[in-house]
Amino acid sequence: MVAIRKIALLREEAFSEMGEAGARPVVRAVAMVVIANPFAGRFVADLSELVEAGGVLAARVASDLVRMLAGPAVAYGKGAIVGAAGEIEHGHALLHPKMGAPLRAAIGGGAALIPSAAKVGAVGSALDLPLGHKDDAWSRGHFDAMTVSLGDAPRPDEILVAMALCDGGRLLPRI
């Protein structure tokens, strides 16, 4: 298993936009996990260690994310920022194909693909973490994103992995 340096949890509760209150607050919960990249600085054909780690990391934080919500999870997203000594494929290996199952198990299912994004970035880089409805990929009121970052991650030989659960879509969807 890859070494975890840090886990950061963020709970965001939105009440209004442009002075207009939503029907109810919407809570978005994010876990950011900073891990050592076992393949930093070299090409490796078999990324199965990171594939397996994706499932383990999701299982590690999924229940924390569920507890931070005010209601049942209806939307989700995942992403990764790979430090500069790694490659984007390292992030995708974590995100696919094993990360989704523990997140879905924690929220009682999810028929839609979990939106994802990965990139290579420097320390402090931000990631626009895509969000979408857990069962209806075409629910436009749930198309959203959260910008996440940590000031000291990812270091060149690390990967910042982010997972989000939400108990609603956008606060005031009108399309």
Protein backbone atom coordinates (compact mmCIF):
# COMPACT_ATOMS: atom_id res chain seq x y z
CA MET A 1 0.00 0.00 0.00
CA VAL A 2 1.22 3.50 -0.76
CA ALA A 3 2.23 5.73 2.14
CA ILE A 4 -0.26 8.42 3.21
CA ARG A 5 1.35 11.70 4.28
CA LYS A 6 -1.81 13.63 5.00
CA ILE A 7 -5.61 13.54 4.89
CA ALA A 8 -7.55 16.80 4.81
CA LEU A 9 -11.34 16.96 5.07
CA LEU A 10 -13.41 19.94 3.97
CA ARG A 11 -17.12 20.53 4.56
CA GLU A 12 -18.77 23.32 2.60
CA GLU A 13 -22.35 24.40 3.30
CA ALA A 14 -23.95 26.82 0.83
CA PHE A 15 -26.96 28.91 1.87
CA SER A 16 -27.42 31.58 -0.82
CA GLU A 17 -26.23 32.91 -4.18
CA MET A 18 -26.47 36.55 -5.25
CA GLY A 19 -28.51 37.28 -2.12
CA GLU A 20 -31.11 34.63 -2.95
CA ALA A 21 -31.53 31.79 -0.44
CA GLY A 22 -31.73 28.23 -1.69
CA ALA A 23 -34.66 25.99 -0.78
CA ARG A 24 -32.28 24.34 1.70
CA PRO A 25 -28.52 24.47 2.31
CA VAL A 26 -26.40 22.20 0.13
CA VAL A 27 -23.43 20.44 1.72
CA ARG A 28 -20.37 19.32 -0.21
CA ALA A 29 -17.74 17.19 1.55
CA VAL A 30 -14.26 16.63 0.16
CA ALA A 31 -11.41 14.39 1.26
CA MET A 32 -7.92 15.18 0.00
CA VAL A 33 -5.38 12.42 0.54
CA VAL A 34 -1.70 13.05 -0.12
CA ILE A 35 0.26 9.91 -0.90
CA ALA A 36 3.80 9.03 -1.93
CA ASN A 37 4.04 8.23 -5.64
CA PRO A 38 5.85 4.89 -5.81
CA PHE A 39 6.60 5.47 -9.50
CA ALA A 40 7.89 9.05 -9.32
CA GLY A 41 10.82 9.71 -11.62
CA ARG A 42 10.55 6.54 -13.69
CA PHE A 43 8.39 4.84 -16.26
CA VAL A 44 6.61 1.71 -15.00
CA ALA A 45 4.37 -0.33 -17.29
CA ASP A 46 2.37 -2.06 -14.55
CA LEU A 47 0.44 0.48 -12.48
CA SER A 48 -1.59 -2.11 -10.55
CA GLU A 49 -0.17 -0.89 -7.21
CA LEU A 50 -1.87 2.49 -7.78
CA VAL A 51 -5.05 0.85 -9.12
CA GLU A 52 -5.34 -1.14 -5.88
CA ALA A 53 -4.47 1.91 -3.78
CA GLY A 54 -7.38 3.84 -5.31
CA GLY A 55 -9.89 1.43 -3.80
CA VAL A 56 -8.12 1.39 -0.43
CA LEU A 57 -7.98 5.20 -0.25
CA ALA A 58 -11.67 5.54 -1.11
CA ALA A 59 -12.60 2.99 1.54
CA ARG A 60 -10.45 4.91 4.05
CA VAL A 61 -12.35 8.22 3.65
CA ALA A 62 -15.82 7.31 2.29
CA SER A 63 -17.49 7.02 5.69
CA ASP A 64 -15.95 10.34 6.79
CA LEU A 65 -17.47 12.03 3.74
CA VAL A 66 -20.91 10.50 4.37
CA ARG A 67 -20.85 11.68 8.02
CA MET A 68 -20.11 15.25 6.96
CA LEU A 69 -23.24 15.53 4.80
CA ALA A 70 -26.57 16.83 6.11
CA GLY A 71 -28.58 14.33 4.06
CA PRO A 72 -28.12 11.43 1.68
CA ALA A 73 -25.42 11.78 -0.97
CA VAL A 74 -26.84 12.51 -4.41
CA ALA A 75 -23.71 13.68 -6.24
CA TYR A 76 -20.06 12.76 -6.35
CA GLY A 77 -16.72 13.40 -7.99
CA LYS A 78 -13.05 12.39 -7.86
CA GLY A 79 -9.73 13.70 -9.06
CA ALA A 80 -5.97 13.73 -8.69
CA ILE A 81 -3.01 16.07 -9.00
CA VAL A 82 0.20 14.20 -9.73
CA GLY A 83 3.43 15.86 -8.60
CA ALA A 84 5.90 16.90 -11.31
CA ALA A 85 8.08 13.77 -10.99
CA GLY A 86 5.10 11.63 -11.97
CA GLU A 87 2.87 11.28 -15.01
CA ILE A 88 -0.84 11.84 -15.51
CA GLU A 89 -1.39 8.09 -15.90
CA HIS A 90 -0.47 7.68 -12.23
CA GLY A 91 -3.49 9.79 -11.31
CA HIS A 92 -5.80 7.89 -13.63
CA ALA A 93 -4.59 4.56 -12.21
CA LEU A 94 -5.76 5.71 -8.77
CA LEU A 95 -9.10 7.00 -10.05
CA HIS A 96 -10.03 4.04 -12.28
CA PRO A 97 -11.24 1.33 -11.93
CA LYS A 98 -11.29 0.59 -8.17
CA MET A 99 -11.97 3.93 -6.48
CA GLY A 100 -15.66 4.06 -7.38
CA ALA A 101 -16.85 0.87 -5.67
CA PRO A 102 -16.10 1.96 -2.07
CA LEU A 103 -17.66 5.38 -2.67
CA ARG A 104 -20.81 3.82 -4.13
CA ALA A 105 -20.98 1.28 -1.29
CA ALA A 106 -20.80 4.06 1.30
CA ILE A 107 -23.76 5.92 -0.24
CA GLY A 108 -25.90 2.91 -1.14
CA GLY A 109 -25.17 2.81 -4.87
CA GLY A 110 -24.81 5.06 -7.85
CA ALA A 111 -25.64 4.21 -11.45
CA ALA A 112 -23.77 7.06 -13.16
CA LEU A 113 -20.05 7.20 -13.74
CA ILE A 114 -18.23 9.28 -11.15
CA PRO A 115 -16.95 12.43 -12.91
CA SER A 116 -13.19 12.70 -12.67
CA ALA A 117 -10.23 14.87 -13.56
CA ALA A 118 -6.48 14.35 -13.30
CA LYS A 119 -3.50 16.54 -14.04
CA VAL A 120 0.18 16.99 -13.32
CA GLY A 121 0.87 20.01 -11.12
CA ALA A 122 3.26 21.77 -8.81
CA VAL A 123 2.98 22.19 -5.03
CA GLY A 124 -0.17 24.17 -4.26
CA SER A 125 -1.82 23.51 -7.64
CA ALA A 126 -5.59 23.67 -7.69
CA LEU A 127 -7.87 21.03 -9.18
CA ASP A 128 -11.34 21.72 -10.52
CA LEU A 129 -13.01 18.61 -9.15
CA PRO A 130 -16.02 17.76 -11.33
CA LEU A 131 -19.31 16.78 -9.68
CA GLY A 132 -22.32 14.98 -11.10
CA HIS A 133 -25.51 13.21 -10.01
CA LYS A 134 -24.90 9.69 -8.74
CA ASP A 135 -27.72 8.11 -10.76
CA ASP A 136 -28.52 10.51 -13.61
CA ALA A 137 -25.51 11.66 -15.63
CA TRP A 138 -27.78 14.13 -17.47
CA SER A 139 -29.14 15.91 -14.37
CA ARG A 140 -28.02 19.41 -15.36
CA GLY A 141 -28.78 20.83 -11.92
CA HIS A 142 -25.99 18.63 -10.56
CA PHE A 143 -23.31 19.61 -13.12
CA ASP A 144 -20.82 21.40 -10.90
CA ALA A 145 -17.21 21.57 -9.75
CA MET A 146 -15.24 22.42 -6.64
CA THR A 147 -11.79 23.93 -6.73
CA VAL A 148 -9.57 22.15 -4.21
CA SER A 149 -5.92 22.46 -3.23
CA LEU A 150 -3.47 22.06 -0.39
CA GLY A 151 -0.67 24.57 0.08
CA ASP A 152 2.02 21.93 0.55
CA ALA A 153 0.93 19.26 -1.92
CA PRO A 154 1.58 17.54 -4.12
CA ARG A 155 5.34 17.55 -3.74
CA PRO A 156 7.12 16.30 -6.89
CA ASP A 157 7.10 12.69 -5.65
CA GLU A 158 3.51 12.73 -4.37
CA ILE A 159 -0.07 12.55 -5.60
CA LEU A 160 -2.98 14.51 -4.14
CA VAL A 161 -6.16 12.45 -4.50
CA ALA A 162 -9.55 14.15 -4.00
CA MET A 163 -13.01 12.61 -3.54
CA ALA A 164 -16.26 14.49 -2.99
CA LEU A 165 -19.82 13.69 -1.97
CA CYS A 166 -22.69 16.18 -2.06
CA ASP A 167 -26.22 16.11 -0.64
CA GLY A 168 -27.57 18.29 -3.45
CA GLY A 169 -26.76 19.88 -6.76
CA ARG A 170 -26.20 23.57 -7.41
CA LEU A 171 -28.02 25.73 -4.87
CA LEU A 172 -30.26 27.58 -7.35
CA PRO A 173 -30.32 25.59 -10.63
CA ARG A 174 -32.44 27.15 -13.34
CA ILE A 175 -31.55 25.18 -16.47
